[in-house]
Amino acid sequence: MALRRSELEVGSVHEQVVVENLTRTQIVQYAGASGDYNPLHTDEVFATKVAGYPSVFAHGMLTMGLTGRMLTDYVGDGRLVRFGGRFRAQVWPGDDLTARAEITEITGENEVELVITTVNQDGAEVFTGTATARIDP
């Protein structure tokens, strides 16, 4: 899907559910893919008894990766120029995440500037950021 300048306007929003009922298995699979085996993400006993958290929790970069999938679904493969953000809250097993991209600017260089927000099932922000993507004239 190619975004066309003529079809876009500032304030346009794209929203997508990026995960429903995040599982511990998915978190451990991400640990394997990333090589980040921090026990806060993979060891329930360590996370709860040693570190004092209610459970293991997702890697921040897993949340960012899920959000990035929404972006590439929206703007298309190979069109994302820049993407960055902040981790605002932990993501727990069982969470549902919805990512949202809002166009804040359409530039003369045929690019769009986007504000990104990912929230959990309670509406709490877990990730916020910005992105730039190329669009067709």
Protein backbone atom coordinates (compact mmCIF):
# COMPACT_ATOMS: atom_id res chain seq x y z
CA MET A 1 0.00 0.00 0.00
CA ALA A 2 1.48 3.34 -1.05
CA LEU A 3 0.43 6.53 0.67
CA ARG A 4 -0.35 9.28 -1.84
CA ARG A 5 0.03 12.92 -0.95
CA SER A 6 -3.30 13.74 -2.59
CA GLU A 7 -5.11 11.28 -0.30
CA LEU A 8 -3.58 12.49 2.99
CA GLU A 9 -4.18 15.40 5.30
CA VAL A 10 -2.77 16.62 8.58
CA GLY A 11 -4.77 15.02 11.38
CA SER A 12 -5.38 11.73 9.53
CA VAL A 13 -5.13 8.78 11.91
CA HIS A 14 -4.32 5.11 11.40
CA GLU A 15 -4.94 2.75 14.31
CA GLN A 16 -4.23 -0.96 14.58
CA VAL A 17 -4.36 -3.63 17.27
CA VAL A 18 -0.80 -4.99 17.34
CA VAL A 19 -1.19 -7.76 19.92
CA GLU A 20 -4.04 -9.33 21.83
CA ASN A 21 -3.39 -11.22 25.04
CA LEU A 22 0.42 -11.03 24.93
CA THR A 23 1.74 -14.34 26.19
CA ARG A 24 4.80 -15.28 28.23
CA THR A 25 5.75 -17.51 25.30
CA GLN A 26 5.82 -14.51 22.96
CA ILE A 27 8.01 -12.62 25.45
CA VAL A 28 10.44 -15.57 25.69
CA GLN A 29 10.43 -15.94 21.89
CA TYR A 30 11.42 -12.28 21.63
CA ALA A 31 14.21 -12.90 24.16
CA GLY A 32 15.49 -15.65 21.88
CA ALA A 33 15.25 -13.53 18.76
CA SER A 34 16.93 -10.53 20.37
CA GLY A 35 19.42 -12.36 22.57
CA ASP A 36 18.17 -10.38 25.59
CA TYR A 37 17.62 -12.98 28.30
CA ASN A 38 17.34 -10.52 31.18
CA PRO A 39 15.56 -12.56 33.88
CA LEU A 40 13.04 -9.73 34.38
CA HIS A 41 11.57 -10.86 31.06
CA THR A 42 12.04 -14.62 31.25
CA ASP A 43 12.19 -15.84 34.86
CA GLU A 44 8.95 -15.53 36.82
CA VAL A 45 10.59 -16.38 40.16
CA PHE A 46 13.35 -13.80 39.69
CA ALA A 47 10.92 -11.11 38.50
CA THR A 48 8.54 -11.62 41.43
CA LYS A 49 10.64 -12.81 44.38
CA VAL A 50 13.95 -11.03 43.74
CA ALA A 51 12.98 -7.91 41.81
CA GLY A 52 9.53 -7.43 43.35
CA TYR A 53 7.49 -7.12 40.16
CA PRO A 54 4.06 -8.74 39.85
CA SER A 55 5.25 -10.83 36.89
CA VAL A 56 7.74 -10.96 34.07
CA PHE A 57 7.17 -8.17 31.56
CA ALA A 58 7.84 -7.52 27.89
CA HIS A 59 11.05 -6.02 26.58
CA GLY A 60 10.63 -2.38 25.61
CA MET A 61 11.95 -3.21 22.17
CA LEU A 62 9.22 -5.83 21.73
CA THR A 63 6.68 -3.07 22.27
CA MET A 64 8.54 -0.82 19.84
CA GLY A 65 8.76 -3.64 17.28
CA LEU A 66 5.02 -4.29 17.47
CA THR A 67 4.42 -0.56 17.04
CA GLY A 68 6.83 -0.51 14.10
CA ARG A 69 4.84 -3.25 12.41
CA MET A 70 1.79 -0.98 12.54
CA LEU A 71 3.86 1.77 10.90
CA THR A 72 5.11 -0.39 8.05
CA ASP A 73 1.62 -1.80 7.54
CA TYR A 74 0.42 1.80 7.20
CA VAL A 75 3.18 3.47 5.16
CA GLY A 76 4.49 0.42 3.29
CA ASP A 77 7.73 -1.53 3.21
CA GLY A 78 10.89 0.49 2.72
CA ARG A 79 9.18 3.85 3.28
CA LEU A 80 9.95 4.44 6.94
CA VAL A 81 12.76 7.02 7.14
CA ARG A 82 12.94 7.55 10.90
CA PHE A 83 11.27 6.03 13.94
CA GLY A 84 12.01 6.64 17.60
CA GLY A 85 10.27 6.95 20.91
CA ARG A 86 10.05 6.44 24.63
CA PHE A 87 8.88 3.52 26.70
CA ARG A 88 6.21 4.93 29.01
CA ALA A 89 5.01 1.90 30.96
CA GLN A 90 5.62 -1.81 31.27
CA VAL A 91 3.74 -4.29 29.13
CA TRP A 92 2.58 -7.39 30.97
CA PRO A 93 1.49 -10.86 29.89
CA GLY A 94 -2.19 -10.68 28.97
CA ASP A 95 -2.02 -7.10 27.71
CA ASP A 96 -3.68 -6.00 24.48
CA LEU A 97 -1.87 -3.23 22.61
CA THR A 98 -3.24 -0.78 20.08
CA ALA A 99 -0.90 1.50 18.13
CA ARG A 100 -1.94 4.80 16.58
CA ALA A 101 -0.20 7.05 14.05
CA GLU A 102 -1.38 10.60 13.40
CA ILE A 103 -0.08 12.74 10.55
CA THR A 104 1.22 16.03 11.94
CA GLU A 105 2.90 17.40 8.81
CA ILE A 106 3.17 16.73 5.10
CA THR A 107 6.47 18.11 3.82
CA GLY A 108 7.57 19.42 0.45
CA GLU A 109 9.95 16.47 0.23
CA ASN A 110 7.01 14.06 -0.07
CA GLU A 111 7.32 12.88 3.49
CA VAL A 112 4.87 12.71 6.37
CA GLU A 113 5.67 13.37 9.99
CA LEU A 114 3.77 11.15 12.40
CA VAL A 115 3.10 11.12 16.13
CA ILE A 116 2.92 7.58 17.47
CA THR A 117 1.11 6.30 20.56
CA THR A 118 0.68 2.73 21.74
CA VAL A 119 -1.78 2.03 24.55
CA ASN A 120 -2.80 -1.03 26.51
CA GLN A 121 -6.33 -2.30 27.07
CA ASP A 122 -6.84 0.26 29.85
CA GLY A 123 -5.86 3.18 27.62
CA ALA A 124 -2.54 3.67 29.40
CA GLU A 125 0.29 4.82 27.13
CA VAL A 126 3.05 2.24 26.98
CA PHE A 127 5.01 3.80 24.10
CA THR A 128 5.07 7.25 22.48
CA GLY A 129 7.18 8.45 19.61
CA THR A 130 7.55 10.03 16.22
CA ALA A 131 8.25 8.79 12.73
CA THR A 132 8.92 10.09 9.24
CA ALA A 133 7.88 8.20 6.11
CA ARG A 134 8.16 8.75 2.37
CA ILE A 135 4.93 9.11 0.40
CA ASP A 136 4.08 9.16 -3.29
CA PRO A 137 3.38 12.55 -4.91
